[in-house]
């Protein structure tokens, strides 16, 4: 087996071992670990595309925490989705401000 063939085989085996990636534009429910690793410090958007705030931190339970109108607001992890590199919540700004 040539050196090139060995490299090609190694790459194809490595690619087969990777989890399936969502197609471009497809929304994906994210896990708490993904939110912490990939989205801390990035902008959080509403489902309608409006900017809310940057993610300040991610709590141990996976909820994103943002500072909205001067107060710390928890955004439930169950409401978060990622699409096209943007983190989106299904909740509106009003929902987040009135929730306790």
PDB file of N, CA and C in Angstrom:
ATOM      1  N   UNK A   1       0.847  -1.166   0.000  1.00  0.00           N
ATOM      2  CA  UNK A   1       0.000   0.000   0.000  1.00  0.00           C
ATOM      3  C   UNK A   1       0.901   1.241   0.000  1.00  0.00           C
ATOM      4  N   UNK A   2       0.585   2.166  -0.866  1.00  0.00           N
ATOM      5  CA  UNK A   2       1.396   3.384  -0.953  1.00  0.00           C
ATOM      6  C   UNK A   2       1.091   4.311   0.211  1.00  0.00           C
ATOM      7  N   UNK A   3       1.977   5.247   0.413  1.00  0.00           N
ATOM      8  CA  UNK A   3       1.806   6.208   1.505  1.00  0.00           C
ATOM      9  C   UNK A   3       0.528   7.018   1.310  1.00  0.00           C
ATOM     10  N   UNK A   4       0.245   7.417   0.071  1.00  0.00           N
ATOM     11  CA  UNK A   4      -0.965   8.170  -0.235  1.00  0.00           C
ATOM     12  C   UNK A   4      -2.202   7.347   0.089  1.00  0.00           C
ATOM     13  N   UNK A   5      -2.202   6.090  -0.254  1.00  0.00           N
ATOM     14  CA  UNK A   5      -3.343   5.218   0.013  1.00  0.00           C
ATOM     15  C   UNK A   5      -3.565   5.069   1.515  1.00  0.00           C
ATOM     16  N   UNK A   6      -2.495   4.992   2.297  1.00  0.00           N
ATOM     17  CA  UNK A   6      -2.614   4.880   3.745  1.00  0.00           C
ATOM     18  C   UNK A   6      -3.243   6.151   4.335  1.00  0.00           C
ATOM     19  N   UNK A   7      -2.808   7.306   3.822  1.00  0.00           N
ATOM     20  CA  UNK A   7      -3.358   8.568   4.302  1.00  0.00           C
ATOM     21  C   UNK A   7      -4.835   8.680   3.939  1.00  0.00           C
ATOM     22  N   UNK A   8      -5.184   8.314   2.711  1.00  0.00           N
ATOM     23  CA  UNK A   8      -6.569   8.374   2.261  1.00  0.00           C
ATOM     24  C   UNK A   8      -7.446   7.443   3.091  1.00  0.00           C
ATOM     25  N   UNK A   9      -6.950   6.261   3.392  1.00  0.00           N
ATOM     26  CA  UNK A   9      -7.697   5.311   4.204  1.00  0.00           C
ATOM     27  C   UNK A   9      -7.887   5.860   5.623  1.00  0.00           C
ATOM     28  N   UNK A  10      -6.849   6.444   6.180  1.00  0.00           N
ATOM     29  CA  UNK A  10      -6.940   7.017   7.525  1.00  0.00           C
ATOM     30  C   UNK A  10      -7.970   8.136   7.575  1.00  0.00           C
ATOM     31  N   UNK A  11      -7.966   9.003   6.574  1.00  0.00           N
ATOM     32  CA  UNK A  11      -8.921  10.106   6.529  1.00  0.00           C
ATOM     33  C   UNK A  11     -10.351   9.613   6.371  1.00  0.00           C
ATOM     34  N   UNK A  12     -10.565   8.607   5.546  1.00  0.00           N
ATOM     35  CA  UNK A  12     -11.925   8.099   5.352  1.00  0.00           C
ATOM     36  C   UNK A  12     -12.431   7.410   6.609  1.00  0.00           C
ATOM     37  N   UNK A  13     -11.564   6.712   7.331  1.00  0.00           N
ATOM     38  CA  UNK A  13     -11.970   6.082   8.585  1.00  0.00           C
ATOM     39  C   UNK A  13     -12.282   7.134   9.645  1.00  0.00           C
ATOM     40  N   UNK A  14     -11.490   8.189   9.689  1.00  0.00           N
ATOM     41  CA  UNK A  14     -11.728   9.259  10.649  1.00  0.00           C
ATOM     42  C   UNK A  14     -13.040   9.970  10.354  1.00  0.00           C
ATOM     43  N   UNK A  15     -13.328  10.211   9.093  1.00  0.00           N
ATOM     44  CA  UNK A  15     -14.570  10.881   8.713  1.00  0.00           C
ATOM     45  C   UNK A  15     -15.776  10.019   9.057  1.00  0.00           C
ATOM     46  N   UNK A  16     -15.661   8.715   8.913  1.00  0.00           N
ATOM     47  CA  UNK A  16     -16.767   7.816   9.229  1.00  0.00           C
ATOM     48  C   UNK A  16     -17.058   7.798  10.725  1.00  0.00           C
ATOM     49  N   UNK A  17     -16.059   8.077  11.530  1.00  0.00           N
ATOM     50  CA  UNK A  17     -16.228   8.048  12.981  1.00  0.00           C
ATOM     51  C   UNK A  17     -16.858   9.329  13.525  1.00  0.00           C
ATOM     52  N   UNK A  18     -16.886  10.401  12.742  1.00  0.00           N
ATOM     53  CA  UNK A  18     -17.452  11.671  13.196  1.00  0.00           C
ATOM     54  C   UNK A  18     -18.969  11.602  13.221  1.00  0.00           C
ATOM     55  N   UNK A  19     -19.613  12.304  14.161  1.00  0.00           N
ATOM     56  CA  UNK A  19     -21.079  12.342  14.175  1.00  0.00           C
ATOM     57  C   UNK A  19     -21.603  13.077  12.952  1.00  0.00           C
ATOM     58  N   UNK A  20     -22.815  12.793  12.593  1.00  0.00           N
ATOM     59  CA  UNK A  20     -23.422  13.447  11.434  1.00  0.00           C
ATOM     60  C   UNK A  20     -23.614  14.924  11.721  1.00  0.00           C
ATOM     61  N   UNK A  21     -23.315  15.761  10.758  1.00  0.00           N
ATOM     62  CA  UNK A  21     -23.436  17.207  10.883  1.00  0.00           C
ATOM     63  C   UNK A  21     -24.688  17.639  10.145  1.00  0.00           C
ATOM     64  N   UNK A  22     -25.418  18.590  10.719  1.00  0.00           N
ATOM     65  CA  UNK A  22     -26.634  19.086  10.094  1.00  0.00           C
ATOM     66  C   UNK A  22     -26.303  19.824   8.804  1.00  0.00           C
ATOM     67  N   UNK A  23     -27.208  19.756   7.850  1.00  0.00           N
ATOM     68  CA  UNK A  23     -27.039  20.468   6.589  1.00  0.00           C
ATOM     69  C   UNK A  23     -27.089  21.966   6.843  1.00  0.00           C
ATOM     70  N   UNK A  24     -26.486  22.727   5.975  1.00  0.00           N
ATOM     71  CA  UNK A  24     -26.456  24.189   6.126  1.00  0.00           C
ATOM     72  C   UNK A  24     -27.876  24.721   6.193  1.00  0.00           C
ATOM     73  N   UNK A  25     -28.118  25.605   7.137  1.00  0.00           N
ATOM     74  CA  UNK A  25     -29.434  26.210   7.281  1.00  0.00           C
ATOM     75  C   UNK A  25     -30.393  25.406   8.133  1.00  0.00           C
ATOM     76  N   UNK A  26     -30.023  24.204   8.543  1.00  0.00           N
ATOM     77  CA  UNK A  26     -30.905  23.362   9.344  1.00  0.00           C
ATOM     78  C   UNK A  26     -30.706  23.670  10.824  1.00  0.00           C
ATOM     79  N   UNK A  27     -31.781  23.929  11.535  1.00  0.00           N
ATOM     80  CA  UNK A  27     -31.699  24.224  12.964  1.00  0.00           C
ATOM     81  C   UNK A  27     -31.422  22.946  13.737  1.00  0.00           C
ATOM     82  N   UNK A  28     -30.608  23.075  14.771  1.00  0.00           N
ATOM     83  CA  UNK A  28     -30.211  21.923  15.567  1.00  0.00           C
ATOM     84  C   UNK A  28     -30.403  22.250  17.031  1.00  0.00           C
ATOM     85  N   UNK A  29     -31.099  21.365  17.762  1.00  0.00           N
ATOM     86  CA  UNK A  29     -31.212  21.531  19.215  1.00  0.00           C
ATOM     87  C   UNK A  29     -29.820  21.299  19.780  1.00  0.00           C
ATOM     88  N   UNK A  30     -29.361  22.161  20.645  1.00  0.00           N
ATOM     89  CA  UNK A  30     -27.998  22.049  21.142  1.00  0.00           C
ATOM     90  C   UNK A  30     -27.968  21.545  22.564  1.00  0.00           C
ATOM     91  N   UNK A  31     -26.853  20.975  22.933  1.00  0.00           N
ATOM     92  CA  UNK A  31     -26.690  20.497  24.299  1.00  0.00           C
ATOM     93  C   UNK A  31     -26.040  21.591  25.142  1.00  0.00           C
ATOM     94  N   UNK A  32     -26.075  21.410  26.440  1.00  0.00           N
ATOM     95  CA  UNK A  32     -25.467  22.390  27.343  1.00  0.00           C
ATOM     96  C   UNK A  32     -23.975  22.509  27.085  1.00  0.00           C
ATOM     97  N   UNK A  33     -23.319  21.399  26.816  1.00  0.00           N
ATOM     98  CA  UNK A  33     -21.879  21.424  26.560  1.00  0.00           C
ATOM     99  C   UNK A  33     -21.565  22.225  25.308  1.00  0.00           C
ATOM    100  N   UNK A  34     -22.374  22.071  24.270  1.00  0.00           N
ATOM    101  CA  UNK A  34     -22.154  22.825  23.036  1.00  0.00           C
ATOM    102  C   UNK A  34     -22.360  24.311  23.280  1.00  0.00           C
ATOM    103  N   UNK A  35     -23.397  24.661  24.026  1.00  0.00           N
ATOM    104  CA  UNK A  35     -23.654  26.075  24.312  1.00  0.00           C
ATOM    105  C   UNK A  35     -22.479  26.688  25.050  1.00  0.00           C
ATOM    106  N   UNK A  36     -21.959  25.973  26.027  1.00  0.00           N
ATOM    107  CA  UNK A  36     -20.844  26.500  26.819  1.00  0.00           C
ATOM    108  C   UNK A  36     -19.600  26.656  25.973  1.00  0.00           C
ATOM    109  N   UNK A  37     -19.318  25.672  25.155  1.00  0.00           N
ATOM    110  CA  UNK A  37     -18.070  25.673  24.394  1.00  0.00           C
ATOM    111  C   UNK A  37     -18.113  26.618  23.200  1.00  0.00           C
ATOM    112  N   UNK A  38     -19.236  26.676  22.526  1.00  0.00           N
ATOM    113  CA  UNK A  38     -19.275  27.363  21.242  1.00  0.00           C
ATOM    114  C   UNK A  38     -19.922  28.746  21.240  1.00  0.00           C
ATOM    115  N   UNK A  39     -20.800  29.038  22.178  1.00  0.00           N
ATOM    116  CA  UNK A  39     -21.595  30.246  22.056  1.00  0.00           C
ATOM    117  C   UNK A  39     -21.401  31.274  23.166  1.00  0.00           C
ATOM    118  N   UNK A  40     -20.596  30.988  24.152  1.00  0.00           N
ATOM    119  CA  UNK A  40     -20.358  31.966  25.210  1.00  0.00           C
ATOM    120  C   UNK A  40     -19.710  33.209  24.595  1.00  0.00           C
ATOM    121  N   UNK A  41     -20.281  34.369  24.882  1.00  0.00           N
ATOM    122  CA  UNK A  41     -19.775  35.624  24.343  1.00  0.00           C
ATOM    123  C   UNK A  41     -20.380  36.008  23.005  1.00  0.00           C
ATOM    124  N   UNK A  42     -21.104  35.092  22.379  1.00  0.00           N
ATOM    125  CA  UNK A  42     -21.728  35.399  21.083  1.00  0.00           C
ATOM    126  C   UNK A  42     -23.146  35.905  21.287  1.00  0.00           C
ATOM    127  N   UNK A  43     -23.680  36.518  20.255  1.00  0.00           N
ATOM    128  CA  UNK A  43     -24.999  37.131  20.300  1.00  0.00           C
ATOM    129  C   UNK A  43     -26.098  36.067  20.309  1.00  0.00           C
ATOM    130  N   UNK A  44     -27.142  36.311  21.095  1.00  0.00           N
ATOM    131  CA  UNK A  44     -28.330  35.469  21.130  1.00  0.00           C
ATOM    132  C   UNK A  44     -29.434  36.196  20.376  1.00  0.00           C
ATOM    133  N   UNK A  45     -30.154  35.465  19.535  1.00  0.00           N
ATOM    134  CA  UNK A  45     -31.206  36.037  18.699  1.00  0.00           C
ATOM    135  C   UNK A  45     -32.555  35.442  19.048  1.00  0.00           C
ATOM    136  N   UNK A  46     -33.630  36.190  18.779  1.00  0.00           N
ATOM    137  CA  UNK A  46     -34.988  35.659  18.908  1.00  0.00           C
ATOM    138  C   UNK A  46     -35.309  34.872  17.644  1.00  0.00           C
ATOM    139  N   UNK A  47     -36.409  34.132  17.680  1.00  0.00           N
ATOM    140  CA  UNK A  47     -36.815  33.346  16.514  1.00  0.00           C
ATOM    141  C   UNK A  47     -37.117  34.250  15.317  1.00  0.00           C
ATOM    142  N   UNK A  48     -37.512  35.498  15.575  1.00  0.00           N
ATOM    143  CA  UNK A  48     -37.809  36.432  14.474  1.00  0.00           C
ATOM    144  C   UNK A  48     -36.555  37.117  13.936  1.00  0.00           C
ATOM    145  N   UNK A  49     -35.386  36.820  14.549  1.00  0.00           N
ATOM    146  CA  UNK A  49     -34.129  37.363  14.039  1.00  0.00           C
ATOM    147  C   UNK A  49     -33.624  38.599  14.751  1.00  0.00           C
ATOM    148  N   UNK A  50     -34.345  39.058  15.768  1.00  0.00           N
ATOM    149  CA  UNK A  50     -33.907  40.234  16.520  1.00  0.00           C
ATOM    150  C   UNK A  50     -32.781  39.867  17.481  1.00  0.00           C
ATOM    151  N   UNK A  51     -31.835  40.786  17.636  1.00  0.00           N
ATOM    152  CA  UNK A  51     -30.729  40.577  18.580  1.00  0.00           C
ATOM    153  C   UNK A  51     -31.235  40.800  19.996  1.00  0.00           C
ATOM    154  N   UNK A  52     -30.839  39.898  20.917  1.00  0.00           N
ATOM    155  CA  UNK A  52     -31.197  40.069  22.327  1.00  0.00           C
ATOM    156  C   UNK A  52     -30.020  40.628  23.097  1.00  0.00           C
ATOM    157  N   UNK A  53     -28.993  39.803  23.282  1.00  0.00           N
ATOM    158  CA  UNK A  53     -27.801  40.200  24.045  1.00  0.00           C
ATOM    159  C   UNK A  53     -26.744  39.131  23.847  1.00  0.00           C
ATOM    160  N   UNK A  54     -25.522  39.469  24.210  1.00  0.00           N
ATOM    161  CA  UNK A  54     -24.447  38.477  24.166  1.00  0.00           C
ATOM    162  C   UNK A  54     -24.622  37.511  25.337  1.00  0.00           C
ATOM    163  N   UNK A  55     -24.251  36.268  25.128  1.00  0.00           N
ATOM    164  CA  UNK A  55     -24.346  35.274  26.192  1.00  0.00           C
ATOM    165  C   UNK A  55     -23.235  35.558  27.192  1.00  0.00           C
ATOM    166  N   UNK A  56     -23.643  35.892  28.403  1.00  0.00           N
ATOM    167  CA  UNK A  56     -22.705  36.265  29.452  1.00  0.00           C
ATOM    168  C   UNK A  56     -22.006  35.037  30.014  1.00  0.00           C
ATOM    169  N   UNK A  57     -22.769  34.022  30.323  1.00  0.00           N
ATOM    170  CA  UNK A  57     -22.216  32.750  30.784  1.00  0.00           C
ATOM    171  C   UNK A  57     -23.266  31.671  30.597  1.00  0.00           C
ATOM    172  N   UNK A  58     -22.829  30.421  30.790  1.00  0.00           N
ATOM    173  CA  UNK A  58     -23.734  29.286  30.705  1.00  0.00           C
ATOM    174  C   UNK A  58     -23.733  28.611  32.067  1.00  0.00           C
ATOM    175  N   UNK A  59     -24.908  28.473  32.660  1.00  0.00           N
ATOM    176  CA  UNK A  59     -25.042  27.866  33.982  1.00  0.00           C
ATOM    177  C   UNK A  59     -24.775  26.368  33.898  1.00  0.00           C
ATOM    178  N   UNK A  60     -24.582  25.753  35.061  1.00  0.00           N
ATOM    179  CA  UNK A  60     -24.300  24.316  35.131  1.00  0.00           C
ATOM    180  C   UNK A  60     -25.445  23.483  34.543  1.00  0.00           C
ATOM    181  N   UNK A  61     -26.662  23.995  34.611  1.00  0.00           N
ATOM    182  CA  UNK A  61     -27.806  23.257  34.070  1.00  0.00           C
ATOM    183  C   UNK A  61     -27.989  23.464  32.566  1.00  0.00           C
ATOM    184  N   UNK A  62     -27.104  24.246  31.944  1.00  0.00           N
ATOM    185  CA  UNK A  62     -27.145  24.455  30.503  1.00  0.00           C
ATOM    186  C   UNK A  62     -27.903  25.685  30.067  1.00  0.00           C
ATOM    187  N   UNK A  63     -28.517  26.391  31.010  1.00  0.00           N
ATOM    188  CA  UNK A  63     -29.236  27.614  30.663  1.00  0.00           C
ATOM    189  C   UNK A  63     -28.243  28.720  30.332  1.00  0.00           C
ATOM    190  N   UNK A  64     -28.506  29.411  29.237  1.00  0.00           N
ATOM    191  CA  UNK A  64     -27.676  30.553  28.870  1.00  0.00           C
ATOM    192  C   UNK A  64     -28.095  31.729  29.738  1.00  0.00           C
ATOM    193  N   UNK A  65     -27.153  32.531  30.167  1.00  0.00           N
ATOM    194  CA  UNK A  65     -27.455  33.711  30.960  1.00  0.00           C
ATOM    195  C   UNK A  65     -27.029  34.936  30.174  1.00  0.00           C
ATOM    196  N   UNK A  66     -27.966  35.886  30.067  1.00  0.00           N
ATOM    197  CA  UNK A  66     -27.704  37.138  29.361  1.00  0.00           C
ATOM    198  C   UNK A  66     -28.065  38.295  30.280  1.00  0.00           C
ATOM    199  N   UNK A  67     -27.528  39.451  29.985  1.00  0.00           N
ATOM    200  CA  UNK A  67     -27.920  40.665  30.704  1.00  0.00           C
ATOM    201  C   UNK A  67     -28.828  41.442  29.768  1.00  0.00           C
ATOM    202  N   UNK A  68     -30.089  41.540  30.183  1.00  0.00           N
ATOM    203  CA  UNK A  68     -31.117  42.152  29.346  1.00  0.00           C
ATOM    204  C   UNK A  68     -31.784  43.262  30.141  1.00  0.00           C
ATOM    205  N   UNK A  69     -31.722  44.479  29.633  1.00  0.00           N
ATOM    206  CA  UNK A  69     -32.274  45.652  30.322  1.00  0.00           C
ATOM    207  C   UNK A  69     -31.731  45.775  31.742  1.00  0.00           C
ATOM    208  N   UNK A  70     -30.460  45.478  31.918  1.00  0.00           N
ATOM    209  CA  UNK A  70     -29.802  45.657  33.201  1.00  0.00           C
ATOM    210  C   UNK A  70     -29.999  44.555  34.214  1.00  0.00           C
ATOM    211  N   UNK A  71     -30.652  43.464  33.834  1.00  0.00           N
ATOM    212  CA  UNK A  71     -30.806  42.373  34.789  1.00  0.00           C
ATOM    213  C   UNK A  71     -30.391  41.047  34.160  1.00  0.00           C
ATOM    214  N   UNK A  72     -29.909  40.153  35.029  1.00  0.00           N
ATOM    215  CA  UNK A  72     -29.480  38.831  34.580  1.00  0.00           C
ATOM    216  C   UNK A  72     -30.718  37.990  34.285  1.00  0.00           C
ATOM    217  N   UNK A  73     -30.751  37.422  33.078  1.00  0.00           N
ATOM    218  CA  UNK A  73     -31.898  36.632  32.646  1.00  0.00           C
ATOM    219  C   UNK A  73     -31.402  35.248  32.241  1.00  0.00           C
ATOM    220  N   UNK A  74     -32.078  34.212  32.745  1.00  0.00           N
ATOM    221  CA  UNK A  74     -31.772  32.840  32.349  1.00  0.00           C
ATOM    222  C   UNK A  74     -32.606  32.466  31.140  1.00  0.00           C
ATOM    223  N   UNK A  75     -31.957  31.948  30.115  1.00  0.00           N
ATOM    224  CA  UNK A  75     -32.641  31.479  28.916  1.00  0.00           C
ATOM    225  C   UNK A  75     -32.584  29.958  28.958  1.00  0.00           C
ATOM    226  N   UNK A  76     -33.731  29.287  29.082  1.00  0.00           N
ATOM    227  CA  UNK A  76     -33.733  27.830  29.207  1.00  0.00           C
ATOM    228  C   UNK A  76     -33.041  27.147  28.026  1.00  0.00           C
ATOM    229  N   UNK A  77     -32.223  26.149  28.352  1.00  0.00           N
ATOM    230  CA  UNK A  77     -31.504  25.408  27.313  1.00  0.00           C
ATOM    231  C   UNK A  77     -32.473  24.744  26.346  1.00  0.00           C
ATOM    232  N   UNK A  78     -33.653  24.371  26.829  1.00  0.00           N
ATOM    233  CA  UNK A  78     -34.647  23.710  25.974  1.00  0.00           C
ATOM    234  C   UNK A  78     -35.196  24.640  24.894  1.00  0.00           C
ATOM    235  N   UNK A  79     -35.014  25.952  25.050  1.00  0.00           N
ATOM    236  CA  UNK A  79     -35.512  26.911  24.061  1.00  0.00           C
ATOM    237  C   UNK A  79     -34.450  27.299  23.034  1.00  0.00           C
ATOM    238  N   UNK A  80     -33.225  26.789  23.173  1.00  0.00           N
ATOM    239  CA  UNK A  80     -32.123  27.194  22.304  1.00  0.00           C
ATOM    240  C   UNK A  80     -31.939  26.255  21.115  1.00  0.00           C
ATOM    241  N   UNK A  81     -31.696  26.855  19.971  1.00  0.00           N
ATOM    242  CA  UNK A  81     -31.326  26.110  18.770  1.00  0.00           C
ATOM    243  C   UNK A  81     -30.191  26.853  18.076  1.00  0.00           C
ATOM    244  N   UNK A  82     -29.415  26.115  17.302  1.00  0.00           N
ATOM    245  CA  UNK A  82     -28.308  26.709  16.555  1.00  0.00           C
ATOM    246  C   UNK A  82     -28.536  26.465  15.073  1.00  0.00           C
ATOM    247  N   UNK A  83     -28.380  27.513  14.283  1.00  0.00           N
ATOM    248  CA  UNK A  83     -28.510  27.406  12.831  1.00  0.00           C
ATOM    249  C   UNK A  83     -27.613  28.448  12.188  1.00  0.00           C
ATOM    250  N   UNK A  84     -26.869  28.033  11.208  1.00  0.00           N
ATOM    251  CA  UNK A  84     -25.980  28.931  10.463  1.00  0.00           C
ATOM    252  C   UNK A  84     -25.034  29.705  11.385  1.00  0.00           C
ATOM    253  N   UNK A  85     -24.583  29.061  12.444  1.00  0.00           N
ATOM    254  CA  UNK A  85     -23.642  29.692  13.361  1.00  0.00           C
ATOM    255  C   UNK A  85     -24.257  30.688  14.315  1.00  0.00           C
ATOM    256  N   UNK A  86     -25.588  30.795  14.336  1.00  0.00           N
ATOM    257  CA  UNK A  86     -26.282  31.714  15.235  1.00  0.00           C
ATOM    258  C   UNK A  86     -27.061  30.909  16.267  1.00  0.00           C
ATOM    259  N   UNK A  87     -27.058  31.410  17.495  1.00  0.00           N
ATOM    260  CA  UNK A  87     -27.827  30.792  18.561  1.00  0.00           C
ATOM    261  C   UNK A  87     -29.141  31.546  18.687  1.00  0.00           C
ATOM    262  N   UNK A  88     -30.242  30.795  18.665  1.00  0.00           N
ATOM    263  CA  UNK A  88     -31.572  31.376  18.666  1.00  0.00           C
ATOM    264  C   UNK A  88     -32.394  30.793  19.803  1.00  0.00           C
ATOM    265  N   UNK A  89     -33.217  31.624  20.425  1.00  0.00           N
ATOM    266  CA  UNK A  89     -34.167  31.147  21.427  1.00  0.00           C
ATOM    267  C   UNK A  89     -35.578  31.253  20.862  1.00  0.00           C
ATOM    268  N   UNK A  90     -36.426  30.326  21.256  1.00  0.00           N
ATOM    269  CA  UNK A  90     -37.819  30.358  20.806  1.00  0.00           C
ATOM    270  C   UNK A  90     -38.648  31.358  21.627  1.00  0.00           C
ATOM    271  N   UNK A  91     -38.055  31.909  22.682  1.00  0.00           N
ATOM    272  CA  UNK A  91     -38.746  32.871  23.536  1.00  0.00           C
ATOM    273  C   UNK A  91     -38.548  34.300  23.028  1.00  0.00           C
ATOM    274  N   UNK A  92     -39.543  35.130  23.246  1.00  0.00           N
ATOM    275  CA  UNK A  92     -39.428  36.539  22.853  1.00  0.00           C
ATOM    276  C   UNK A  92     -38.763  37.323  23.972  1.00  0.00           C
ATOM    277  N   UNK A  93     -38.386  38.557  23.684  1.00  0.00           N
ATOM    278  CA  UNK A  93     -37.784  39.427  24.685  1.00  0.00           C
ATOM    279  C   UNK A  93     -38.752  39.643  25.837  1.00  0.00           C
ATOM    280  N   UNK A  94     -40.016  39.833  25.520  1.00  0.00           N
ATOM    281  CA  UNK A  94     -41.048  40.030  26.534  1.00  0.00           C
ATOM    282  C   UNK A  94     -41.159  38.793  27.431  1.00  0.00           C
ATOM    283  N   UNK A  95     -41.135  37.597  26.824  1.00  0.00           N
ATOM    284  CA  UNK A  95     -41.207  36.359  27.597  1.00  0.00           C
ATOM    285  C   UNK A  95     -40.038  36.269  28.566  1.00  0.00           C
ATOM    286  N   UNK A  96     -38.847  36.610  28.099  1.00  0.00           N
ATOM    287  CA  UNK A  96     -37.662  36.507  28.942  1.00  0.00           C
ATOM    288  C   UNK A  96     -37.681  37.518  30.091  1.00  0.00           C
ATOM    289  N   UNK A  97     -38.187  38.718  29.827  1.00  0.00           N
ATOM    290  CA  UNK A  97     -38.225  39.745  30.873  1.00  0.00           C
ATOM    291  C   UNK A  97     -39.278  39.472  31.931  1.00  0.00           C
ATOM    292  N   UNK A  98     -40.377  38.803  31.560  1.00  0.00           N
ATOM    293  CA  UNK A  98     -41.442  38.538  32.517  1.00  0.00           C
ATOM    294  C   UNK A  98     -41.284  37.203  33.240  1.00  0.00           C
ATOM    295  N   UNK A  99     -40.439  36.324  32.739  1.00  0.00           N
ATOM    296  CA  UNK A  99     -40.245  35.007  33.356  1.00  0.00           C
ATOM    297  C   UNK A  99     -39.478  35.134  34.657  1.00  0.00           C
ATOM    298  N   UNK A 100     -39.751  34.302  35.575  1.00  0.00           N
ATOM    299  CA  UNK A 100     -39.026  34.277  36.850  1.00  0.00           C
ATOM    300  C   UNK A 100     -38.477  32.924  37.069  1.00  0.00           C
TER     301      UNK A 100
END
